Amino acid sequence: MRYPQGGGLTAERRAFRERIRVEAARMFAAGQDNAVVAKRLRVSVRSVQRWRRSWNDGGPKALQSRGSPGRPKLSEALFAVLEQELDKGPVAHGWPDQTWTLDRIRTLIGRCFHKSITLSAIAQMLRRHGWSHQVPARRALERDEDAITGWVRETWPQVEAPRRRSVPTSSSRTRPASR
């Protein structure tokens, strides 16, 4: 079975499964045995046992669908706040340089929103909102582009060894001239 959301179930399938769990809750309230509930709903006894434990702990609401597991960890409003914090830069948040890493963003999310999100989820969330992965160029501050260009044009051709011409060769080590 293919999952349209890259994992998880479609909304229709989640609703269908929730209806089965709600029906199981009605049967639990009526005093039906786990095996009878499993047979009537055409599910495993183990699932019915798990549902009954949840139903005993939290009632019928405990069997309701919690939504897609792939839903965003931060709402649009919270992501807007996160973007404002990211625009301030890492130095404003106590890091020594101006490089945002996923680990630093995870720490910032923890500080601001008291949420824990995996690095891959953060990367996906940033990509979804148009942020791109960028690696800063490591260049010396004293770098002189004009001097580099001149060296490549003038000095490098003199330093570079000339290429050997292509001539017929022999496979014999002792008599190179023979064929």
Protein backbone atom coordinates (compact mmCIF):
# COMPACT_ATOMS: atom_id res chain seq x y z
CA MET A 1 0.00 0.00 0.00
CA ARG A 2 1.36 3.42 -0.93
CA TYR A 3 0.94 6.28 1.49
CA PRO A 4 0.29 9.67 -0.10
CA GLN A 5 1.93 11.68 2.68
CA GLY A 6 5.24 9.87 2.52
CA GLY A 7 4.10 7.66 5.38
CA GLY A 8 0.94 7.45 7.41
CA LEU A 9 -2.63 7.09 6.22
CA THR A 10 -4.96 9.21 4.16
CA ALA A 11 -7.57 11.27 6.00
CA GLU A 12 -10.32 8.92 4.80
CA ARG A 13 -8.50 5.85 6.09
CA ARG A 14 -7.86 7.51 9.47
CA ALA A 15 -11.57 8.39 9.71
CA PHE A 16 -12.51 4.79 8.84
CA ARG A 17 -10.24 3.39 11.55
CA GLU A 18 -11.57 5.90 14.06
CA ARG A 19 -15.15 4.76 13.31
CA ILE A 20 -14.09 1.19 14.06
CA ARG A 21 -12.57 2.26 17.40
CA VAL A 22 -15.71 4.24 18.30
CA GLU A 23 -17.82 1.17 17.54
CA ALA A 24 -15.47 -0.86 19.76
CA ALA A 25 -16.03 1.68 22.57
CA ARG A 26 -19.80 1.15 22.28
CA MET A 27 -19.28 -2.60 22.51
CA PHE A 28 -17.00 -2.16 25.54
CA ALA A 29 -19.72 -0.11 27.25
CA ALA A 30 -22.21 -2.87 26.47
CA GLY A 31 -19.93 -5.39 28.20
CA GLN A 32 -18.88 -7.36 25.12
CA ASP A 33 -15.85 -9.67 25.39
CA ASN A 34 -12.63 -8.80 23.49
CA ALA A 35 -12.89 -11.84 21.23
CA VAL A 36 -16.47 -10.96 20.25
CA VAL A 37 -15.52 -7.34 19.51
CA ALA A 38 -12.52 -8.48 17.43
CA LYS A 39 -14.62 -10.93 15.41
CA ARG A 40 -17.46 -8.50 14.77
CA LEU A 41 -15.15 -5.62 13.75
CA ARG A 42 -12.77 -7.95 11.88
CA VAL A 43 -9.64 -6.80 13.71
CA SER A 44 -7.08 -8.61 15.85
CA VAL A 45 -7.78 -9.43 19.48
CA ARG A 46 -4.54 -7.70 20.40
CA SER A 47 -5.78 -4.41 18.91
CA VAL A 48 -9.03 -4.76 20.84
CA GLN A 49 -7.08 -5.36 24.05
CA ARG A 50 -5.02 -2.21 23.43
CA TRP A 51 -8.18 -0.19 22.67
CA ARG A 52 -9.88 -1.49 25.81
CA ARG A 53 -6.91 -0.41 27.96
CA SER A 54 -7.04 3.07 26.40
CA TRP A 55 -10.82 3.16 26.82
CA ASN A 56 -10.52 2.16 30.50
CA ASP A 57 -7.91 4.88 31.10
CA GLY A 58 -9.48 7.74 29.14
CA GLY A 59 -12.94 6.80 27.97
CA PRO A 60 -14.17 7.09 24.38
CA LYS A 61 -12.05 10.22 23.77
CA ALA A 62 -8.91 8.11 24.20
CA LEU A 63 -9.87 6.18 21.05
CA GLN A 64 -10.25 9.25 18.83
CA SER A 65 -7.78 9.90 16.04
CA ARG A 66 -4.93 12.23 16.94
CA GLY A 67 -4.51 13.33 13.32
CA SER A 68 -1.67 12.81 10.92
CA PRO A 69 1.63 11.92 12.57
CA GLY A 70 3.35 13.99 9.89
CA ARG A 71 1.71 17.26 10.78
CA PRO A 72 4.02 20.22 11.37
CA LYS A 73 5.51 20.45 14.84
CA LEU A 74 5.25 24.25 14.80
CA SER A 75 2.14 26.11 13.72
CA GLU A 76 2.39 28.83 11.09
CA ALA A 77 2.25 31.50 13.82
CA LEU A 78 5.08 29.87 15.78
CA PHE A 79 7.14 29.43 12.61
CA ALA A 80 6.74 33.16 11.89
CA VAL A 81 8.15 33.87 15.37
CA LEU A 82 10.98 31.41 14.69
CA GLU A 83 11.81 33.21 11.43
CA GLN A 84 12.03 36.52 13.30
CA GLU A 85 14.43 34.93 15.78
CA LEU A 86 16.51 33.41 12.97
CA ASP A 87 16.71 36.83 11.27
CA LYS A 88 18.34 38.25 14.42
CA GLY A 89 21.26 35.91 13.80
CA PRO A 90 23.10 33.36 15.91
CA VAL A 91 25.26 35.94 17.70
CA ALA A 92 22.14 37.59 19.15
CA HIS A 93 21.30 34.21 20.69
CA GLY A 94 24.72 33.65 22.23
CA TRP A 95 26.69 31.71 19.60
CA PRO A 96 30.17 32.94 18.65
CA ASP A 97 29.72 33.07 14.85
CA GLN A 98 27.05 33.86 12.25
CA THR A 99 26.37 30.26 11.21
CA TRP A 100 22.97 28.67 11.74
CA THR A 101 23.16 24.90 12.09
CA LEU A 102 20.25 22.51 12.56
CA ASP A 103 21.49 21.77 16.06
CA ARG A 104 21.48 25.47 16.94
CA ILE A 105 18.00 25.90 15.47
CA ARG A 106 16.82 22.92 17.55
CA THR A 107 18.25 24.59 20.67
CA LEU A 108 16.54 27.87 19.73
CA ILE A 109 13.19 26.08 19.27
CA GLY A 110 13.64 24.47 22.68
CA ARG A 111 14.40 27.83 24.30
CA CYS A 112 11.58 29.75 22.62
CA PHE A 113 8.76 27.21 22.42
CA HIS A 114 9.75 24.43 24.85
CA LYS A 115 9.42 21.84 22.08
CA SER A 116 11.79 19.11 21.02
CA ILE A 117 12.02 18.43 17.28
CA THR A 118 14.37 16.08 15.44
CA LEU A 119 17.01 17.52 13.13
CA SER A 120 15.44 15.93 10.06
CA ALA A 121 12.02 17.39 10.97
CA ILE A 122 13.62 20.83 11.33
CA ALA A 123 15.31 20.47 7.94
CA GLN A 124 12.01 19.47 6.31
CA MET A 125 10.14 22.31 8.00
CA LEU A 126 12.71 24.88 6.85
CA ARG A 127 12.68 23.52 3.29
CA ARG A 128 8.87 23.60 3.26
CA HIS A 129 9.00 27.31 4.14
CA GLY A 130 11.56 28.20 1.47
CA TRP A 131 14.78 28.13 3.48
CA SER A 132 17.74 26.67 1.64
CA HIS A 133 20.82 24.78 2.79
CA GLN A 134 23.86 26.95 2.36
CA VAL A 135 27.47 26.34 3.24
CA PRO A 136 29.55 29.46 3.80
CA ALA A 137 32.69 29.83 1.69
CA ARG A 138 35.78 29.56 3.87
CA ARG A 139 38.08 32.27 2.60
CA ALA A 140 40.81 34.27 4.25
CA LEU A 141 39.99 37.90 5.02
CA GLU A 142 43.26 38.94 3.37
CA ARG A 143 42.37 37.19 0.09
CA ASP A 144 43.24 39.27 -2.99
CA GLU A 145 41.20 38.09 -5.99
CA ASP A 146 43.20 40.17 -8.51
CA ALA A 147 46.51 38.67 -7.37
CA ILE A 148 45.04 35.15 -7.57
CA THR A 149 43.72 35.72 -11.09
CA GLY A 150 47.09 37.07 -12.24
CA TRP A 151 48.98 34.13 -10.73
CA VAL A 152 46.69 31.60 -12.41
CA ARG A 153 47.15 33.28 -15.81
CA GLU A 154 50.87 34.04 -15.69
CA THR A 155 52.73 31.91 -13.15
CA TRP A 156 50.80 28.62 -13.21
CA PRO A 157 51.41 27.83 -16.91
CA GLN A 158 55.16 28.11 -16.26
CA VAL A 159 55.03 25.90 -13.17
CA GLU A 160 52.81 23.27 -14.69
CA ALA A 161 54.79 20.46 -16.32
CA PRO A 162 54.26 20.20 -20.06
CA ARG A 163 52.22 17.23 -21.15
CA ARG A 164 53.99 14.40 -22.89
CA ARG A 165 53.12 13.88 -26.49
CA SER A 166 51.27 10.80 -27.44
CA VAL A 167 53.61 8.36 -29.18
CA PRO A 168 53.25 4.68 -29.88
CA THR A 169 54.58 2.67 -26.98
CA SER A 170 55.74 -0.87 -26.48
CA SER A 171 54.67 -3.39 -23.91
CA SER A 172 58.24 -4.73 -23.67
CA ARG A 173 60.33 -3.29 -20.85
CA THR A 174 63.63 -4.55 -22.26
CA ARG A 175 63.20 -3.61 -25.89
CA PRO A 176 61.01 -0.48 -26.07
CA ALA A 177 61.60 0.00 -29.78
CA SER A 178 60.35 -3.43 -30.77
CA ARG A 179 56.78 -4.07 -31.66
